[in-house]
Amino acid sequence: MGHVFATIVIFVSTGLVDKVTDLDSVVPEAMDELTRLSKIPQPAFAITKNYFRNDKIKKLRDSREREVTEMVKHVQRPDVQKSIERHLHNLKLRKK
């Protein structure tokens, strides 16, 4: 099974997320970022983004089959199945 990391740490350290901000600041900061990015010509933006993220995306794609196999094995364990069963049962009760 893969490692479990704190959300902020993994997103920022992998480069898949450019910035983490407080909930109250999300909309104003997103608008500032959109304004800044809208000034970059689209073809240049796309080429640069692909260039910097290509290695990370390749690693994710290359490990996909292994990760899926490990996840399937994990989910098929009896204790995990029991936990999923309890969770689904609780969801059904909550729905009523």
Protein backbone atom coordinates (compact mmCIF):
# COMPACT_ATOMS: atom_id res chain seq x y z
CA MET A 1 0.00 0.00 0.00
CA GLY A 2 1.17 3.53 -0.74
CA HIS A 3 2.17 6.10 1.83
CA VAL A 4 -0.39 8.42 3.41
CA PHE A 5 0.73 12.05 3.61
CA ALA A 6 -0.86 15.21 4.92
CA THR A 7 -2.85 16.77 2.07
CA ILE A 8 -1.02 20.09 2.06
CA VAL A 9 2.42 18.46 2.12
CA ILE A 10 1.76 16.07 -0.75
CA PHE A 11 0.01 18.57 -3.02
CA VAL A 12 2.67 21.25 -2.69
CA SER A 13 5.69 18.93 -2.67
CA THR A 14 4.59 17.06 -5.80
CA GLY A 15 4.02 20.28 -7.70
CA LEU A 16 0.45 19.28 -8.58
CA VAL A 17 -0.84 22.25 -6.59
CA ASP A 18 0.80 25.65 -6.93
CA LYS A 19 -0.44 27.24 -3.73
CA VAL A 20 -2.38 26.46 -0.55
CA THR A 21 -4.37 29.24 1.10
CA ASP A 22 -6.87 29.82 3.90
CA LEU A 23 -10.51 29.16 3.08
CA ASP A 24 -11.44 32.83 3.57
CA SER A 25 -8.84 33.90 1.00
CA VAL A 26 -9.60 31.35 -1.74
CA VAL A 27 -11.83 33.46 -3.99
CA PRO A 28 -9.81 36.71 -3.87
CA GLU A 29 -6.52 34.86 -4.39
CA ALA A 30 -7.99 32.74 -7.18
CA MET A 31 -9.21 35.86 -8.95
CA ASP A 32 -5.78 37.48 -8.61
CA GLU A 33 -4.17 34.35 -10.04
CA LEU A 34 -6.66 34.18 -12.92
CA THR A 35 -5.95 37.80 -13.77
CA ARG A 36 -2.21 37.13 -13.76
CA LEU A 37 -2.51 33.95 -15.83
CA SER A 38 -4.88 35.52 -18.36
CA LYS A 39 -2.04 37.81 -19.43
CA ILE A 40 0.06 34.84 -20.59
CA PRO A 41 -0.56 33.77 -24.21
CA GLN A 42 -2.43 30.44 -24.13
CA PRO A 43 0.00 28.40 -26.30
CA ALA A 44 2.98 29.53 -24.20
CA PHE A 45 1.10 28.75 -21.00
CA ALA A 46 0.18 25.22 -22.14
CA ILE A 47 3.67 24.38 -23.38
CA THR A 48 5.29 25.61 -20.16
CA LYS A 49 2.80 23.81 -17.92
CA ASN A 50 3.29 20.53 -19.80
CA TYR A 51 7.06 20.89 -19.74
CA PHE A 52 7.25 21.35 -15.97
CA ARG A 53 4.71 18.66 -15.08
CA ASN A 54 5.55 16.03 -17.68
CA ASP A 55 7.93 14.00 -15.46
CA LYS A 56 5.47 13.89 -12.57
CA ILE A 57 2.61 12.83 -14.83
CA LYS A 58 4.79 10.12 -16.38
CA LYS A 59 5.62 8.74 -12.90
CA LEU A 60 1.92 8.63 -12.01
CA ARG A 61 1.03 6.87 -15.25
CA ASP A 62 3.91 4.39 -14.93
CA SER A 63 2.89 3.37 -11.40
CA ARG A 64 -0.84 3.20 -12.14
CA GLU A 65 -1.11 -0.55 -12.68
CA ARG A 66 0.91 -1.35 -9.56
CA GLU A 67 -1.13 1.09 -7.48
CA VAL A 68 -4.44 -0.32 -8.76
CA THR A 69 -3.32 -3.89 -8.04
CA GLU A 70 -2.28 -2.94 -4.49
CA MET A 71 -5.54 -1.09 -3.89
CA VAL A 72 -7.65 -4.01 -5.13
CA LYS A 73 -5.75 -6.40 -2.84
CA HIS A 74 -6.26 -4.04 0.08
CA VAL A 75 -10.00 -3.56 -0.55
CA GLN A 76 -10.55 -7.31 -0.86
CA ARG A 77 -9.20 -7.99 2.63
CA PRO A 78 -11.95 -9.32 4.94
CA ASP A 79 -11.44 -6.60 7.57
CA VAL A 80 -11.66 -3.86 4.94
CA GLN A 81 -14.75 -5.47 3.40
CA LYS A 82 -16.38 -5.54 6.84
CA SER A 83 -15.56 -1.88 7.36
CA ILE A 84 -17.02 -0.96 3.97
CA GLU A 85 -20.13 -2.99 4.76
CA ARG A 86 -20.62 -1.11 8.05
CA HIS A 87 -20.11 2.22 6.33
CA LEU A 88 -22.65 1.43 3.59
CA HIS A 89 -25.13 0.22 6.21
CA ASN A 90 -24.72 3.50 8.14
CA LEU A 91 -25.23 5.50 4.95
CA LYS A 92 -28.47 3.61 4.27
CA LEU A 93 -29.69 4.32 7.80
CA ARG A 94 -28.85 8.01 7.44
CA LYS A 95 -30.75 8.20 4.15
CA LYS A 96 -34.02 6.99 5.75
